[in-house]
Protein backbone atom coordinates (compact mmCIF):
# COMPACT_ATOMS: atom_id res chain seq x y z
CA MET A 1 0.11 0.08 0.06
CA THR A 2 1.30 3.47 -0.88
CA GLY A 3 0.62 6.84 0.71
CA ALA A 4 0.99 5.14 4.30
CA ASP A 5 1.45 8.80 5.53
CA GLY A 6 -2.00 10.13 4.57
CA GLN A 7 -5.57 9.80 5.93
CA VAL A 8 -6.78 6.70 4.31
CA GLY A 9 -3.19 5.05 4.29
CA ARG A 10 -2.95 5.40 8.05
CA TRP A 11 -6.58 3.82 8.73
CA LEU A 12 -5.49 1.01 6.22
CA VAL A 13 -2.47 0.19 8.49
CA GLN A 14 -4.47 0.43 11.64
CA LEU A 15 -7.35 -1.97 10.46
CA SER A 16 -4.96 -4.12 8.86
CA GLY A 17 -3.40 -4.70 12.16
CA GLN A 18 -6.56 -5.56 13.85
CA ASN A 19 -7.51 -8.27 11.23
CA SER A 20 -5.07 -11.15 11.19
CA ARG A 21 -6.31 -12.27 7.70
CA SER A 22 -4.93 -9.03 6.10
CA ARG A 23 -1.39 -8.18 6.26
CA ILE A 24 -0.38 -4.84 4.61
CA GLU A 25 2.97 -3.72 3.52
CA ALA A 26 2.68 0.05 3.93
CA TYR A 27 4.94 2.64 2.44
CA GLY A 28 5.28 6.20 2.69
CA ARG A 29 6.76 8.93 0.83
CA ALA A 30 10.48 8.14 2.33
CA ASP A 31 10.10 4.73 1.35
CA LEU A 32 8.59 4.77 -2.34
CA ASP A 33 8.58 7.46 -4.62
CA ILE A 34 5.79 6.32 -7.04
CA ALA A 35 6.74 8.96 -9.63
CA ASP A 36 10.15 6.85 -9.93
CA ALA A 37 9.81 3.92 -12.03
CA GLU A 38 12.76 2.33 -10.89
CA SER A 39 11.74 2.89 -7.19
CA VAL A 40 8.42 1.10 -7.83
CA SER A 41 10.07 -1.72 -9.38
CA ARG A 42 12.42 -2.11 -6.63
CA VAL A 43 10.15 -1.62 -3.62
CA LEU A 44 7.14 -3.61 -4.99
CA ALA A 45 9.64 -6.51 -6.66
CA GLY A 46 7.93 -9.24 -4.48
CA THR A 47 4.34 -8.45 -5.74
CA GLY A 48 2.68 -10.78 -7.91
CA PRO A 49 -0.42 -12.67 -8.58
CA GLY A 50 -2.87 -12.77 -5.42
CA ASP A 51 -1.27 -9.36 -4.46
CA VAL A 52 -3.26 -6.13 -4.21
CA VAL A 53 -1.48 -2.80 -4.38
CA ILE A 54 -3.66 -0.12 -3.02
CA ASN A 55 -2.47 3.46 -4.14
CA THR A 56 -3.63 6.00 -1.85
CA ALA A 57 -0.63 8.40 -2.64
CA ALA A 58 -1.35 11.59 -4.46
CA TYR A 59 -0.48 15.19 -4.80
CA THR A 60 -3.57 16.72 -2.80
CA ALA A 61 -2.56 20.49 -2.38
CA VAL A 62 -5.42 21.57 -4.63
CA ASP A 63 -4.40 25.29 -4.66
CA ALA A 64 -0.60 24.63 -4.76
CA ALA A 65 -1.22 22.54 -8.08
CA GLU A 66 -2.46 25.58 -9.83
CA SER A 67 1.17 26.75 -9.96
CA ASP A 68 3.09 23.31 -9.45
CA VAL A 69 1.72 21.61 -12.64
CA ALA A 70 4.82 19.40 -12.88
CA GLY A 71 4.49 18.26 -9.22
CA ALA A 72 0.81 17.50 -9.64
CA ARG A 73 1.36 15.64 -12.75
CA ALA A 74 4.20 13.56 -11.20
CA GLY A 75 2.07 12.58 -8.08
CA ASN A 76 -1.34 12.15 -9.99
CA GLU A 77 -0.45 10.80 -13.52
CA VAL A 78 3.23 9.53 -13.68
CA GLY A 79 3.07 7.65 -10.23
CA PRO A 80 -0.10 5.84 -11.00
CA ARG A 81 0.92 4.97 -14.39
CA ASN A 82 4.11 3.71 -12.92
CA LEU A 83 2.15 1.51 -10.72
CA ALA A 84 -0.26 0.36 -13.29
CA VAL A 85 2.90 -0.96 -15.44
CA HIS A 86 4.25 -2.51 -12.62
CA THR A 87 1.04 -4.59 -11.66
CA ALA A 88 0.21 -5.38 -15.36
CA ARG A 89 3.78 -6.87 -15.54
CA THR A 90 3.58 -8.93 -12.33
CA GLY A 91 0.13 -9.97 -12.14
CA ALA A 92 -0.79 -8.16 -9.09
CA ARG A 93 -4.21 -6.27 -8.79
CA LEU A 94 -4.03 -2.34 -8.44
CA ILE A 95 -6.78 -0.37 -6.68
CA HIS A 96 -6.04 3.26 -7.24
CA ILE A 97 -7.98 6.16 -5.30
CA SER A 98 -9.17 9.11 -7.42
CA THR A 99 -11.53 12.09 -6.74
CA ASP A 100 -14.81 13.98 -7.34
CA TYR A 101 -12.68 16.71 -8.79
CA VAL A 102 -12.86 15.03 -12.09
CA PHE A 103 -16.22 16.26 -12.70
CA SER A 104 -17.31 19.87 -13.32
CA GLY A 105 -19.30 20.35 -10.18
CA ASP A 106 -22.56 21.09 -12.07
CA PRO A 107 -25.43 18.96 -10.80
CA ALA A 108 -27.01 19.02 -14.00
CA GLN A 109 -24.23 16.59 -15.52
CA ALA A 110 -25.18 13.94 -12.85
CA SER A 111 -27.10 11.46 -14.49
CA GLY A 112 -29.40 10.62 -11.63
CA PRO A 113 -30.61 12.08 -8.18
CA ASP A 114 -28.15 10.12 -6.00
CA GLY A 115 -25.16 12.21 -7.64
CA TYR A 116 -22.32 11.53 -10.06
CA ASP A 117 -22.20 8.01 -11.33
CA ILE A 118 -19.18 6.34 -13.06
CA ASP A 119 -20.22 6.99 -16.40
CA ASP A 120 -21.20 10.66 -16.15
CA PRO A 121 -19.27 13.29 -18.48
CA VAL A 122 -15.95 14.36 -16.58
CA ALA A 123 -14.84 18.02 -16.93
CA PRO A 124 -12.30 19.24 -14.28
CA ALA A 125 -11.74 22.81 -13.63
CA THR A 126 -8.57 22.50 -11.79
CA VAL A 127 -5.07 21.40 -12.31
CA TYR A 128 -5.58 18.92 -9.49
CA GLY A 129 -8.78 17.64 -11.22
CA ARG A 130 -7.11 17.41 -14.46
CA THR A 131 -4.08 15.59 -13.30
CA LYS A 132 -6.20 12.94 -11.42
CA LEU A 133 -8.28 12.51 -14.38
CA ASP A 134 -5.19 11.91 -16.48
CA GLY A 135 -4.11 9.38 -13.78
CA GLU A 136 -7.13 7.70 -14.17
CA ARG A 137 -6.71 7.36 -17.88
CA ALA A 138 -3.13 6.45 -17.55
CA VAL A 139 -3.93 3.47 -14.89
CA ALA A 140 -6.64 2.12 -17.15
CA ALA A 141 -4.45 2.06 -20.41
CA ALA A 142 -1.47 0.49 -18.75
CA ASP A 143 -3.61 -2.07 -16.69
CA PRO A 144 -7.18 -2.64 -17.60
CA ARG A 145 -7.56 -4.97 -14.57
CA ALA A 146 -6.94 -2.12 -12.27
CA THR A 147 -9.94 -0.88 -10.21
CA ILE A 148 -10.13 2.90 -9.76
CA VAL A 149 -12.16 4.11 -6.82
CA ARG A 150 -13.34 7.72 -6.81
CA THR A 151 -14.18 9.26 -3.39
CA ALA A 152 -15.11 12.88 -2.11
CA TRP A 153 -14.69 14.96 1.14
CA VAL A 154 -12.31 12.66 3.02
CA TYR A 155 -11.69 13.44 6.54
CA THR A 156 -10.38 11.74 9.85
CA GLY A 157 -11.52 14.56 12.40
CA ALA A 158 -8.47 13.42 14.30
CA ALA A 159 -6.85 16.42 16.68
CA GLY A 160 -4.01 18.13 14.90
CA GLY A 161 -5.17 17.09 11.44
CA ARG A 162 -5.83 19.51 8.64
CA ASP A 163 -8.99 17.90 7.21
CA PHE A 164 -12.25 19.91 7.27
CA VAL A 165 -13.58 18.17 10.37
CA ALA A 166 -10.37 18.39 12.32
CA THR A 167 -10.26 22.20 11.39
CA MET A 168 -13.58 22.74 12.57
CA ARG A 169 -13.21 21.25 15.93
CA ARG A 170 -10.01 23.23 16.33
CA LEU A 171 -11.76 26.59 15.31
CA GLU A 172 -14.52 25.80 17.55
CA SER A 173 -12.24 26.25 20.53
CA GLU A 174 -10.37 29.02 19.16
CA ARG A 175 -12.89 31.44 17.75
CA GLU A 176 -16.50 32.75 18.73
CA THR A 177 -17.88 32.03 15.34
CA VAL A 178 -16.70 30.71 11.93
CA SER A 179 -18.01 31.40 8.57
CA VAL A 180 -18.61 28.41 6.28
CA VAL A 181 -19.93 28.13 2.63
CA THR A 182 -23.33 26.94 2.10
CA ASP A 183 -23.06 26.64 -1.92
CA GLN A 184 -20.96 23.72 -2.33
CA ILE A 185 -22.65 20.19 -1.62
CA GLY A 186 -20.98 17.07 -1.43
CA SER A 187 -20.38 13.50 0.10
CA PRO A 188 -18.35 13.70 3.33
CA THR A 189 -16.31 10.53 3.72
CA TYR A 190 -14.97 9.08 6.82
CA ALA A 191 -11.30 7.85 6.00
CA ALA A 192 -11.75 4.76 8.30
CA ASP A 193 -15.14 3.71 6.25
CA LEU A 194 -13.37 4.25 3.21
CA ALA A 195 -10.45 2.08 4.40
CA VAL A 196 -12.85 -0.66 5.52
CA GLY A 197 -14.28 -0.54 2.10
CA LEU A 198 -10.79 -0.72 0.22
CA LEU A 199 -9.82 -3.76 2.34
CA GLU A 200 -13.10 -5.43 1.32
CA LEU A 201 -12.53 -4.76 -2.15
CA ALA A 202 -9.13 -6.02 -1.99
CA GLY A 203 -10.14 -9.24 -0.22
CA ALA A 204 -12.57 -9.80 -3.25
CA LEU A 205 -10.03 -9.16 -5.88
CA ARG A 206 -7.72 -11.80 -4.15
CA VAL A 207 -10.27 -14.61 -4.48
CA GLU A 208 -12.08 -13.54 -7.59
CA ASP A 209 -11.08 -12.90 -11.15
CA ARG A 210 -12.78 -9.47 -11.24
CA PRO A 211 -12.42 -7.33 -14.35
CA GLY A 212 -11.04 -3.84 -13.85
CA GLY A 213 -13.04 -0.70 -14.05
CA MET A 214 -14.43 2.35 -12.08
CA LEU A 215 -16.27 2.29 -8.78
CA HIS A 216 -17.57 5.38 -6.53
CA ALA A 217 -17.26 5.07 -2.75
CA ALA A 218 -18.09 7.94 -0.55
CA GLY A 219 -20.22 8.37 2.44
CA GLY A 220 -24.03 8.10 2.23
CA GLY A 221 -26.12 11.30 1.61
CA ARG A 222 -25.13 14.69 1.00
CA THR A 223 -24.83 17.88 2.93
CA SER A 224 -23.24 21.54 2.61
CA TRP A 225 -19.64 22.61 4.05
CA PHE A 226 -21.92 24.80 6.35
CA ASP A 227 -24.06 21.89 7.45
CA LEU A 228 -21.14 19.45 8.11
CA ALA A 229 -19.57 22.10 10.37
CA ARG A 230 -22.67 22.89 12.19
CA ALA A 231 -23.08 19.07 12.62
CA VAL A 232 -19.28 19.07 13.88
CA PHE A 233 -20.36 21.66 16.56
CA GLN A 234 -23.01 19.77 17.62
CA GLU A 235 -21.21 16.61 18.11
CA VAL A 236 -18.54 18.46 20.53
CA GLY A 237 -21.26 19.98 22.36
CA ALA A 238 -21.17 23.52 21.05
CA ASP A 239 -23.85 25.65 19.79
CA PRO A 240 -24.19 25.31 16.05
CA ASP A 241 -25.49 28.78 15.68
CA ARG A 242 -22.05 29.77 16.18
CA VAL A 243 -21.44 28.65 12.35
CA LEU A 244 -22.46 31.42 10.19
CA PRO A 245 -23.19 31.09 6.44
CA CYS A 246 -21.41 32.70 3.54
CA GLY A 247 -20.91 31.87 -0.16
CA SER A 248 -17.82 30.85 -2.07
CA ALA A 249 -17.28 34.26 -3.36
CA ASP A 250 -16.27 35.20 0.07
CA PHE A 251 -13.33 32.96 -0.09
CA PRO A 252 -11.71 33.05 -3.32
CA ARG A 253 -8.98 30.63 -3.80
CA PRO A 254 -6.50 29.74 -6.62
CA ALA A 255 -8.39 26.62 -7.52
CA PRO A 256 -12.42 26.90 -7.56
CA ARG A 257 -13.92 24.27 -5.34
CA PRO A 258 -16.66 22.34 -7.16
CA ALA A 259 -20.24 23.45 -6.40
CA TYR A 260 -21.41 19.87 -6.43
CA SER A 261 -19.45 16.84 -5.25
CA VAL A 262 -22.08 14.18 -4.57
CA LEU A 263 -21.15 10.67 -5.72
CA SER A 264 -23.59 7.94 -6.43
CA GLY A 265 -22.64 4.69 -4.40
CA ARG A 266 -24.70 2.43 -6.85
CA SER A 267 -21.44 1.21 -8.84
CA TRP A 268 -20.12 -0.01 -5.24
CA SER A 269 -23.37 -1.74 -4.43
CA ALA A 270 -23.63 -3.33 -7.59
CA ALA A 271 -20.18 -4.96 -7.23
CA GLY A 272 -21.39 -6.79 -4.08
CA LEU A 273 -19.72 -4.36 -1.80
CA SER A 274 -20.84 -3.02 1.57
CA PRO A 275 -22.17 0.49 1.24
CA LEU A 276 -20.47 3.08 3.44
CA ARG A 277 -22.13 4.84 6.10
CA GLY A 278 -24.35 7.74 6.12
CA TRP A 279 -22.28 10.74 6.49
CA ARG A 280 -23.99 11.90 9.73
CA GLU A 281 -23.53 8.60 11.48
CA ALA A 282 -19.95 8.35 10.20
CA LEU A 283 -19.29 11.86 11.70
CA ALA A 284 -20.53 10.91 14.96
CA ALA A 285 -18.33 7.92 15.39
CA ALA A 286 -15.17 9.86 13.98
CA VAL A 287 -15.83 12.62 16.81
CA THR A 288 -16.49 10.19 19.43
CA LEU A 289 -13.37 8.07 18.55
CA SER A 290 -11.01 11.00 18.37
CA ALA A 291 -12.36 12.78 21.46
C-alpha cells in the first residue's frame, strides 16, 4: 500500500493490524517514490498474482497545484501509471484512489438524483482535477485489470489534523464564530469507512478474477460544508449557531472548488460491496473516537 502517511493510508495500516487475515506492507513517501519507475520496481519487486496494491498516494494540495503543474502531474499521473505498469507486468491487482474533482461540479451533469455515477461526463476545472483524471486514464491504459475508486470530502477528524472536520473542531475552541460556505454540496467520507471498504474490495480481488473498472465510494447522503460544520459543533457539544453562512465568493482561492461533489454509490453496491455509512452517522463515530 502506498501513501501510508495519509488519512486513508493510516487507517488501512491500523485496520490491517486488527485483522490477522489481512497483512499490509505500507510505504510512505520516504519509502517509495511512485513517480520514479525504478523505485516502484525495486520496492514492489515481491508482488505478484494474489497480491493487491492499493495506491492512496497523491498530490492533494489543490491550490498549490495551480502553480505546480509538474509536481501535481508527477504525483497524480506519472506515479499511478508507474504502479499500473508494474501490476500489469507482475500480475498483481491495483486499486487506485481518485476524486470527485474530475467532474465539473455542475449537478446537471449528474445522471441521477443520487449524484455523479461512474459514466457521467468528466470536466475538471482545476489542475488537481485534470491531473487526477489523466491519472485515471493512464492507469486504465497501462493495466485494464486495475480498479479505480473515486471518493470525495475525505476526513479523519483527528486532533491536529488538517482535514475539514479536524479544522472545525480546532476553530470551535479558538473562535466565537466561524463562517462556512453554503453553496458547495458533497458526500463527506470518513477515512476509516473508506479504508474498510478498500480492504473489502482488496479481499474480493484476491479470491475472484474480477475485471477492472471504475467504482465510486463515498459517505452516504449529501450535505453542505456549512451543515457539516454545524454537525461538527453539535457533536462536540457546542452551539451550531456559532457557524455562520457565507458563499464561495467570500473565500476566493487559486483553485475553484466544485459546487457539487455528490457521488452515487450505485456502482459500489452493484459490485457486491458493503455501502459506506451515511455521513451523519460516520461523523458521530469519528468525533467520538477522536475525542
